[in-house]
Amino acid sequence: MDVPRLSWKEACARRLARHLLASPDPQAGPADAARAMCGAHAQVMSAAEISIAMRTAAATRADVRAAVGTDKSLIKTRGVRGTVHLLPTADLPMWCGALSALPAERFGLTAEQISELVAGAAAVLPNTEMTADELTVALADRVGGWAADPTMEGFQTTWPRWYAAMDVIMFRGAMCFGAGRGRKVTFTSPVGSRPAAGDVALPWLVRQYLHAYGPATPEAFAKWLAASRDWAVSLFDSLGEALRSVLLEGKPAWENADEPLSAGEEPSGVRLLPYFDSYAVGGRPREVLFPGAAATRALAGGQAGNYPVLLVDGVVAGVWHQRRSGRRIAVTVEPLGRLTRGQLADLDEQVQRLGRILEGTPSLTIGTVAVGPHA
């Protein structure tokens, strides 16, 4: 049997469609958008709001905030690589089951201590929100003073020992982020977060990943998760006929066996993606997603996500920046090549959509983005 062959353009067109970037689904809400990209990076909450809303037809940042704080269809917690994500609440048992099944470092804690911290958080957080200091006291009272020992080096400070288990506590469904108290982060207990069994959740996670980022390799999956290559290869091998082998630009890759093959589609359109957008952070191979000058201009030390990016026909083709003053939003876009008249029209439409998402009045300048990463 011949192995199906796909070009990068075909794969790129499919990823755009599945990320709801080719044409936002008018029926999609914030949770649907977060699911499509395997979770929205939320280290910068305003960027997560843009990531999600850009994948819908009409949602604004207020709608995304309501999905987190009011109807709770989205939950803020630790996701892949231990980074802060917005995940669909309905999918949380699978996420918790998969992430808690990953091989994990213990950072000086024993397995028994981690289990005690998970149980302690599950006992003290339901129906309340606690700041980190409050939770430190509660955990120390519950499991012992060792949980509060200042042993972890932080940003010009020393954190209590339980911080070393924060990811695992969230992965096991005992804790997530709360609404916050002023500038202080709070923690609470997620609803319906009992983790699914690992042997069910891990295949689910592979399927979600390949739907959004496939065809892909076990190595790419391992980098996405910050897991070991050998572990990822073994997991892919264990899925057998659930996966289909293809050749992506002549190199072996895998996709979900029950999903249709690409049929010659080509990517098109212009999109503005914010900091840490999942399409840019999770997409590989890097050298084709960030071709030529984009690798130098839009990556920081080889890392994606540090710049908002201009996407043209599915690949990074520039950077952009927005500065707000009241309701006015000044958007500067720096293309790395000449844009056609049609692409400029698409860009203007994207800027107007950005303005609606941010509930302001945007203006567009084509020129050099003078600020650095994370600005």
Foldseek 3Di string as FASTA:
>chain_A
DDFAEDEPQLLLQLLCVLLLNQPADQPDAQQSNQLSLVWWFPPPVVQSLCLRLNNYDFAASVRVVCCCAPVVQWFWFQAFPRGTTIHGLVCQQLRLQALLPADDDQVPDDPVRLVLQLVQLLPPFAPHKDFLVRVQVSSCVRPHNQQQPQDDDDDPGTGGPVVSNRNNSVSQQSKGWDPADVPTTIMHGRPPNHHDHNVVSNVVSVQSLQSNAPQAALVLVCVRRVHDSVVSVVVVVVVPQQWGWHQYVHHTGIHGNPDDDRDPDGFFFKAWRAARNSLQQSYDPNCVQQDDCSCVAQADVSGHRQFTFIAGRSHGFWGKDWDDDPQEIEIETEGNDDDDPVRVVRVVVNQVSNSSNHVHHYDYDYDDDPDDTPD
